[in-house]
């Protein structure tokens, strides 16, 4: 993953795309797409979906998106217990 993109608030984005099979329109198929993208506009994902609609035969049924920042501030947590062994 590109560090410079992550510093510009790009996040690891995963999209599950359900689409209708061209030969069997009543059957749904799943495609998982993953890329660095900017939430919540998702320009990279939208560009991919535009390509899909323009070039591929399977009509998109639905898209489910999840994203997470890869670079976050450090977290400090106190220990709940201390155990000693002799």
N, C-alpha and C. Protein backbone atom coordinates (compact mmCIF):
# COMPACT_ATOMS: atom_id res chain seq x y z
N UNK A 1 0.85 -1.17 0.00
CA UNK A 1 0.00 0.00 0.00
C UNK A 1 0.90 1.24 0.00
N UNK A 2 0.50 2.21 -0.74
CA UNK A 2 1.31 3.42 -0.86
C UNK A 2 1.15 4.30 0.36
N UNK A 3 2.27 4.61 1.00
CA UNK A 3 2.27 5.42 2.22
C UNK A 3 1.80 6.84 1.93
N UNK A 4 2.25 7.41 0.81
CA UNK A 4 1.86 8.80 0.50
C UNK A 4 0.36 8.93 0.29
N UNK A 5 -0.28 7.94 -0.29
CA UNK A 5 -1.74 7.98 -0.46
C UNK A 5 -2.44 7.88 0.88
N UNK A 6 -1.91 7.05 1.77
CA UNK A 6 -2.51 6.92 3.10
C UNK A 6 -2.41 8.22 3.89
N UNK A 7 -1.35 8.96 3.69
CA UNK A 7 -1.20 10.25 4.38
C UNK A 7 -2.20 11.29 3.84
N UNK A 8 -2.70 11.08 2.64
CA UNK A 8 -3.70 11.99 2.05
C UNK A 8 -5.12 11.51 2.34
N UNK A 9 -5.28 10.71 3.39
CA UNK A 9 -6.56 10.21 3.89
C UNK A 9 -7.21 9.16 2.99
N UNK A 10 -6.41 8.50 2.16
CA UNK A 10 -6.94 7.34 1.44
C UNK A 10 -7.07 6.20 2.43
N UNK A 11 -8.12 5.42 2.29
CA UNK A 11 -8.39 4.31 3.19
C UNK A 11 -8.50 3.02 2.40
N UNK A 12 -8.21 1.93 3.06
CA UNK A 12 -8.42 0.64 2.42
C UNK A 12 -9.92 0.43 2.31
N UNK A 13 -10.41 0.31 1.10
CA UNK A 13 -11.85 0.21 0.85
C UNK A 13 -12.14 -1.13 0.18
N UNK A 14 -13.12 -1.83 0.71
CA UNK A 14 -13.56 -3.10 0.15
C UNK A 14 -15.03 -2.97 -0.22
N UNK A 15 -15.35 -3.40 -1.43
CA UNK A 15 -16.74 -3.35 -1.89
C UNK A 15 -17.14 -4.74 -2.37
N UNK A 16 -18.29 -5.19 -1.89
CA UNK A 16 -18.88 -6.42 -2.41
C UNK A 16 -19.96 -6.02 -3.40
N UNK A 17 -19.76 -6.39 -4.64
CA UNK A 17 -20.68 -6.03 -5.72
C UNK A 17 -21.49 -7.26 -6.09
N UNK A 18 -22.80 -7.18 -5.92
CA UNK A 18 -23.70 -8.24 -6.38
C UNK A 18 -24.22 -7.84 -7.75
N UNK A 19 -24.14 -8.75 -8.69
CA UNK A 19 -24.59 -8.44 -10.05
C UNK A 19 -25.34 -9.62 -10.65
N UNK A 20 -26.18 -9.33 -11.62
CA UNK A 20 -26.96 -10.36 -12.32
C UNK A 20 -26.09 -10.98 -13.40
N UNK A 21 -26.11 -12.29 -13.48
CA UNK A 21 -25.38 -12.98 -14.55
C UNK A 21 -26.05 -12.67 -15.88
N UNK A 22 -25.28 -12.33 -16.91
CA UNK A 22 -25.88 -11.98 -18.20
C UNK A 22 -26.73 -13.09 -18.81
N UNK A 23 -26.29 -14.35 -18.71
CA UNK A 23 -27.03 -15.47 -19.30
C UNK A 23 -28.19 -15.95 -18.43
N UNK A 24 -28.13 -15.64 -17.13
CA UNK A 24 -29.17 -16.06 -16.18
C UNK A 24 -29.49 -14.87 -15.29
N UNK A 25 -30.34 -13.96 -15.74
CA UNK A 25 -30.57 -12.71 -15.01
C UNK A 25 -31.19 -12.88 -13.62
N UNK A 26 -31.76 -14.04 -13.32
CA UNK A 26 -32.33 -14.26 -11.99
C UNK A 26 -31.30 -14.75 -10.98
N UNK A 27 -30.07 -14.99 -11.44
CA UNK A 27 -29.00 -15.47 -10.57
C UNK A 27 -28.05 -14.33 -10.25
N UNK A 28 -27.73 -14.17 -8.96
CA UNK A 28 -26.78 -13.13 -8.54
C UNK A 28 -25.41 -13.75 -8.31
N UNK A 29 -24.39 -13.00 -8.70
CA UNK A 29 -23.00 -13.39 -8.50
C UNK A 29 -22.34 -12.31 -7.66
N UNK A 30 -21.34 -12.66 -6.87
CA UNK A 30 -20.65 -11.71 -6.00
C UNK A 30 -19.25 -11.45 -6.54
N UNK A 31 -18.83 -10.19 -6.49
CA UNK A 31 -17.47 -9.79 -6.88
C UNK A 31 -16.94 -8.89 -5.78
N UNK A 32 -15.74 -9.18 -5.30
CA UNK A 32 -15.13 -8.37 -4.24
C UNK A 32 -14.04 -7.50 -4.85
N UNK A 33 -14.15 -6.20 -4.62
CA UNK A 33 -13.21 -5.19 -5.13
C UNK A 33 -12.52 -4.55 -3.93
N UNK A 34 -11.19 -4.33 -4.03
CA UNK A 34 -10.46 -3.71 -2.92
C UNK A 34 -9.39 -2.78 -3.47
N UNK A 35 -9.36 -1.56 -2.92
CA UNK A 35 -8.42 -0.54 -3.40
C UNK A 35 -8.34 0.56 -2.35
N UNK A 36 -7.31 1.40 -2.44
CA UNK A 36 -7.26 2.60 -1.61
C UNK A 36 -8.20 3.64 -2.19
N UNK A 37 -9.03 4.26 -1.35
CA UNK A 37 -10.01 5.23 -1.82
C UNK A 37 -10.30 6.24 -0.70
N UNK A 38 -10.95 7.33 -1.06
CA UNK A 38 -11.26 8.38 -0.09
C UNK A 38 -12.74 8.28 0.29
N UNK A 39 -12.99 8.09 1.60
CA UNK A 39 -14.37 8.04 2.10
C UNK A 39 -14.84 9.44 2.42
N UNK A 40 -16.09 9.79 2.29
CA UNK A 40 -17.23 8.99 1.84
C UNK A 40 -17.56 9.18 0.36
N UNK A 41 -16.76 9.92 -0.39
CA UNK A 41 -17.07 10.13 -1.82
C UNK A 41 -16.73 8.91 -2.68
N UNK A 42 -15.69 8.19 -2.32
CA UNK A 42 -15.23 6.99 -3.03
C UNK A 42 -15.07 7.23 -4.54
N UNK A 43 -14.19 8.15 -4.94
CA UNK A 43 -14.03 8.42 -6.38
C UNK A 43 -13.46 7.24 -7.17
N UNK A 44 -12.56 6.47 -6.57
CA UNK A 44 -11.97 5.33 -7.28
C UNK A 44 -13.02 4.25 -7.50
N UNK A 45 -13.82 3.97 -6.47
CA UNK A 45 -14.89 2.98 -6.60
C UNK A 45 -15.93 3.44 -7.62
N UNK A 46 -16.31 4.70 -7.58
CA UNK A 46 -17.30 5.21 -8.54
C UNK A 46 -16.77 5.13 -9.97
N UNK A 47 -15.48 5.38 -10.16
CA UNK A 47 -14.88 5.24 -11.50
C UNK A 47 -14.95 3.78 -11.96
N UNK A 48 -14.68 2.85 -11.04
CA UNK A 48 -14.77 1.43 -11.38
C UNK A 48 -16.21 1.03 -11.72
N UNK A 49 -17.17 1.51 -10.93
CA UNK A 49 -18.57 1.17 -11.20
C UNK A 49 -19.06 1.78 -12.51
N UNK A 50 -18.57 2.98 -12.85
CA UNK A 50 -18.90 3.57 -14.16
C UNK A 50 -18.35 2.70 -15.29
N UNK A 51 -17.10 2.22 -15.13
CA UNK A 51 -16.52 1.31 -16.11
C UNK A 51 -17.36 0.04 -16.23
N UNK A 52 -17.78 -0.50 -15.07
CA UNK A 52 -18.59 -1.72 -15.04
C UNK A 52 -19.87 -1.53 -15.86
N UNK A 53 -20.59 -0.45 -15.59
CA UNK A 53 -21.86 -0.19 -16.28
C UNK A 53 -21.66 0.03 -17.78
N UNK A 54 -20.54 0.63 -18.14
CA UNK A 54 -20.27 0.96 -19.54
C UNK A 54 -19.76 -0.24 -20.34
N UNK A 55 -18.93 -1.11 -19.72
CA UNK A 55 -18.22 -2.14 -20.47
C UNK A 55 -18.67 -3.58 -20.21
N UNK A 56 -19.29 -3.86 -19.08
CA UNK A 56 -19.62 -5.25 -18.73
C UNK A 56 -21.11 -5.50 -18.89
N UNK A 57 -21.46 -6.75 -19.13
CA UNK A 57 -22.86 -7.12 -19.40
C UNK A 57 -23.69 -7.31 -18.14
N UNK A 58 -23.10 -7.76 -17.04
CA UNK A 58 -23.86 -8.04 -15.83
C UNK A 58 -24.32 -6.77 -15.14
N UNK A 59 -25.64 -6.60 -15.00
CA UNK A 59 -26.19 -5.41 -14.34
C UNK A 59 -25.94 -5.49 -12.84
N UNK A 60 -25.50 -4.37 -12.26
CA UNK A 60 -25.22 -4.32 -10.82
C UNK A 60 -26.53 -4.34 -10.04
N UNK A 61 -26.62 -5.23 -9.08
CA UNK A 61 -27.79 -5.31 -8.21
C UNK A 61 -27.61 -4.44 -6.98
N UNK A 62 -26.46 -4.58 -6.29
CA UNK A 62 -26.19 -3.79 -5.09
C UNK A 62 -24.69 -3.77 -4.82
N UNK A 63 -24.28 -2.77 -4.03
CA UNK A 63 -22.88 -2.61 -3.65
C UNK A 63 -22.84 -2.37 -2.15
N UNK A 64 -22.04 -3.15 -1.44
CA UNK A 64 -21.84 -2.97 0.00
C UNK A 64 -20.39 -2.56 0.21
N UNK A 65 -20.17 -1.45 0.93
CA UNK A 65 -18.83 -0.86 1.06
C UNK A 65 -18.41 -0.81 2.52
N UNK A 66 -17.13 -1.12 2.75
CA UNK A 66 -16.52 -0.98 4.07
C UNK A 66 -15.15 -0.36 3.87
N UNK A 67 -14.76 0.54 4.78
CA UNK A 67 -13.43 1.14 4.68
C UNK A 67 -12.87 1.37 6.08
N UNK A 68 -11.55 1.40 6.14
CA UNK A 68 -10.87 1.60 7.42
C UNK A 68 -9.57 2.37 7.17
N UNK A 69 -9.27 3.29 8.08
CA UNK A 69 -8.00 4.01 8.00
C UNK A 69 -6.88 3.04 8.39
N UNK A 70 -5.78 3.10 7.66
CA UNK A 70 -4.66 2.23 7.96
C UNK A 70 -3.67 2.90 8.90
N UNK A 71 -3.60 4.23 8.84
CA UNK A 71 -2.71 4.97 9.72
C UNK A 71 -3.56 5.71 10.73
N UNK A 72 -3.40 5.36 12.00
CA UNK A 72 -4.18 5.99 13.07
C UNK A 72 -3.23 6.37 14.19
N UNK A 73 -3.66 7.29 15.06
CA UNK A 73 -2.82 7.62 16.21
C UNK A 73 -2.65 6.41 17.12
N UNK A 74 -1.51 6.38 17.81
CA UNK A 74 -1.27 5.29 18.74
C UNK A 74 -2.26 5.33 19.90
N UNK A 75 -2.56 4.17 20.43
CA UNK A 75 -3.49 4.08 21.56
C UNK A 75 -2.74 3.59 22.78
N UNK A 76 -3.07 4.15 23.91
CA UNK A 76 -2.49 3.72 25.18
C UNK A 76 -3.59 3.11 26.01
N UNK A 77 -3.32 1.93 26.57
CA UNK A 77 -4.33 1.25 27.36
C UNK A 77 -3.69 0.74 28.64
N UNK A 78 -4.35 0.99 29.76
CA UNK A 78 -3.86 0.50 31.05
C UNK A 78 -4.12 -1.00 31.16
N UNK A 79 -3.24 -1.66 31.89
CA UNK A 79 -3.42 -3.09 32.12
C UNK A 79 -4.57 -3.31 33.10
N UNK A 80 -5.37 -4.32 32.85
CA UNK A 80 -6.48 -4.65 33.75
C UNK A 80 -5.99 -5.38 35.00
N UNK A 81 -4.91 -6.13 34.87
CA UNK A 81 -4.39 -6.90 35.99
C UNK A 81 -2.90 -7.14 35.80
N UNK A 82 -2.21 -7.39 36.92
CA UNK A 82 -0.80 -7.73 36.88
C UNK A 82 -0.64 -9.05 37.62
N UNK A 83 -0.04 -10.03 36.98
CA UNK A 83 0.17 -11.35 37.57
C UNK A 83 1.66 -11.57 37.77
N UNK A 84 2.03 -12.15 38.90
CA UNK A 84 3.43 -12.44 39.18
C UNK A 84 3.60 -13.95 39.36
N UNK A 85 4.66 -14.46 38.79
CA UNK A 85 4.97 -15.88 38.94
C UNK A 85 6.32 -15.98 39.64
N UNK A 86 6.43 -16.91 40.58
CA UNK A 86 7.68 -17.12 41.31
C UNK A 86 8.54 -18.11 40.61
